[in-house]
C-alpha atoms as a PDB file:
ATOM      1  CA  MET A   1      81.627  73.005 153.713  1.00  0.00           C
ATOM      2  CA  TYR A   2      80.903  75.225 150.750  1.00  0.00           C
ATOM      3  CA  ASP A   3      77.877  76.963 152.407  1.00  0.00           C
ATOM      4  CA  THR A   4      79.963  77.598 155.586  1.00  0.00           C
ATOM      5  CA  LEU A   5      82.808  79.126 153.719  1.00  0.00           C
ATOM      6  CA  MET A   6      80.384  81.233 151.646  1.00  0.00           C
ATOM      7  CA  THR A   7      78.731  82.483 154.840  1.00  0.00           C
ATOM      8  CA  ALA A   8      82.143  83.306 156.427  1.00  0.00           C
ATOM      9  CA  MET A   9      83.030  85.202 153.246  1.00  0.00           C
ATOM     10  CA  ILE A  10      79.980  87.349 153.371  1.00  0.00           C
ATOM     11  CA  VAL A  11      80.298  88.044 157.012  1.00  0.00           C
ATOM     12  CA  ILE A  12      84.068  88.996 156.551  1.00  0.00           C
ATOM     13  CA  GLY A  13      83.173  91.106 153.606  1.00  0.00           C
ATOM     14  CA  PHE A  14      80.802  93.106 155.703  1.00  0.00           C
ATOM     15  CA  LEU A  15      83.308  93.382 158.500  1.00  0.00           C
ATOM     16  CA  ILE A  16      85.986  94.715 156.007  1.00  0.00           C
ATOM     17  CA  ILE A  17      83.424  97.417 154.855  1.00  0.00           C
ATOM     18  CA  VAL A  18      82.799  98.330 158.501  1.00  0.00           C
ATOM     19  CA  SER A  19      86.545  98.417 159.292  1.00  0.00           C
ATOM     20  CA  VAL A  20      87.402 100.630 156.385  1.00  0.00           C
ATOM     21  CA  MET A  21      84.432 103.123 157.245  1.00  0.00           C
ATOM     22  CA  MET A  22      85.710 103.248 160.785  1.00  0.00           C
ATOM     23  CA  GLN A  23      89.250 104.332 159.868  1.00  0.00           C
ATOM     24  CA  PRO A  24      90.021 108.001 160.360  1.00  0.00           C
ATOM     25  CA  SER A  25      90.228 110.279 157.446  1.00  0.00           C
ATOM     26  CA  LYS A  26      93.793 111.080 156.192  1.00  0.00           C
ATOM     27  CA  GLN A  27      92.781 114.386 154.509  1.00  0.00           C
ATOM     28  CA  GLN A  28      93.983 117.246 156.557  1.00  0.00           C
ATOM     29  CA  ASP A  29      92.383 120.119 154.477  1.00  0.00           C
ATOM     30  CA  ALA A  30      90.852 120.975 151.102  1.00  0.00           C
ATOM     31  CA  LEU A  31      94.260 121.984 149.634  1.00  0.00           C
ATOM     32  CA  SER A  32      95.571 118.630 150.287  1.00  0.00           C
ATOM     33  CA  ALA A  33      92.723 117.146 148.327  1.00  0.00           C
ATOM     34  CA  LEU A  34      93.268 119.497 145.419  1.00  0.00           C
ATOM     35  CA  SER A  35      97.027 119.054 145.183  1.00  0.00           C
ATOM     36  CA  GLY A  36      96.901 115.310 145.625  1.00  0.00           C
ATOM     37  CA  GLY A  37      98.770 115.439 148.991  1.00  0.00           C
ATOM     38  CA  GLY A  38     102.218 115.870 147.258  1.00  0.00           C
ATOM     39  CA  GLY A  39     103.296 118.082 150.230  1.00  0.00           C
ATOM     40  CA  ASP A  40     102.873 115.297 152.705  1.00  0.00           C
ATOM     41  CA  LEU A  41     104.829 112.717 150.576  1.00  0.00           C
ATOM     42  CA  PHE A  42     107.879 113.032 153.007  1.00  0.00           C
ATOM     43  CA  ALA A  43     106.036 113.991 156.063  1.00  0.00           C
ATOM     44  CA  THR A  44     104.400 110.662 156.753  1.00  0.00           C
ATOM     45  CA  GLN A  45     104.114 109.365 160.202  1.00  0.00           C
ATOM     46  CA  LYS A  46     103.695 105.875 161.639  1.00  0.00           C
ATOM     47  CA  ALA A  47     100.072 105.086 162.625  1.00  0.00           C
ATOM     48  CA  ARG A  48      99.400 104.943 166.258  1.00  0.00           C
ATOM     49  CA  GLY A  49      96.548 103.969 168.551  1.00  0.00           C
ATOM     50  CA  PHE A  50      93.174 103.380 167.073  1.00  0.00           C
ATOM     51  CA  GLN A  51      94.415 104.084 163.515  1.00  0.00           C
ATOM     52  CA  ALA A  52      97.080 101.345 163.825  1.00  0.00           C
ATOM     53  CA  VAL A  53      94.591  98.982 165.138  1.00  0.00           C
ATOM     54  CA  MET A  54      92.024  99.513 162.416  1.00  0.00           C
ATOM     55  CA  GLN A  55      94.726  99.196 159.729  1.00  0.00           C
ATOM     56  CA  ARG A  56      95.849  95.739 161.126  1.00  0.00           C
ATOM     57  CA  VAL A  57      92.207  94.539 161.410  1.00  0.00           C
ATOM     58  CA  THR A  58      91.553  95.517 157.814  1.00  0.00           C
ATOM     59  CA  ALA A  59      94.724  93.901 156.516  1.00  0.00           C
ATOM     60  CA  LEU A  60      93.920  90.782 158.541  1.00  0.00           C
ATOM     61  CA  LEU A  61      90.210  90.616 157.343  1.00  0.00           C
ATOM     62  CA  GLY A  62      91.368  91.288 153.759  1.00  0.00           C
ATOM     63  CA  ALA A  63      94.022  88.327 153.933  1.00  0.00           C
ATOM     64  CA  LEU A  64      91.416  86.084 155.430  1.00  0.00           C
ATOM     65  CA  TRP A  65      88.702  86.956 152.779  1.00  0.00           C
ATOM     66  CA  PHE A  66      91.344  86.235 150.150  1.00  0.00           C
ATOM     67  CA  ILE A  67      92.242  82.850 151.576  1.00  0.00           C
ATOM     68  CA  ILE A  68      88.588  81.861 151.959  1.00  0.00           C
ATOM     69  CA  GLY A  69      88.069  82.924 148.330  1.00  0.00           C
ATOM     70  CA  ILE A  70      90.877  80.595 147.136  1.00  0.00           C
ATOM     71  CA  ALA A  71      89.358  77.824 149.242  1.00  0.00           C
ATOM     72  CA  LEU A  72      85.976  78.314 147.655  1.00  0.00           C
ATOM     73  CA  VAL A  73      87.535  78.259 144.150  1.00  0.00           C
ATOM     74  CA  TYR A  74      89.234  74.911 145.078  1.00  0.00           C
ATOM     75  CA  LEU A  75      85.993  73.486 146.378  1.00  0.00           C
ATOM     76  CA  THR A  76      84.086  74.417 143.201  1.00  0.00           C
ATOM     77  CA  SER A  77      86.654  73.032 140.827  1.00  0.00           C
ATOM     78  CA  HIS A  78      86.782  69.585 142.682  1.00  0.00           C
END
């Protein structure tokens, strides 16, 4: 059981890296990078399409990775 969960954790960790790298950049221009994006604070828009899907996939994979991590801690302590 431990080996299966450890393998799943490694695979999910890799998928998290891939899903984060596939997300579109939120930087609009160099000025936004220099100013910290303070001008865009109240101009946020809800994510749509591919961006929304990737955000949900990343959140789901992160939650699954965390749950498997807790299960691994439980298995090693007992």
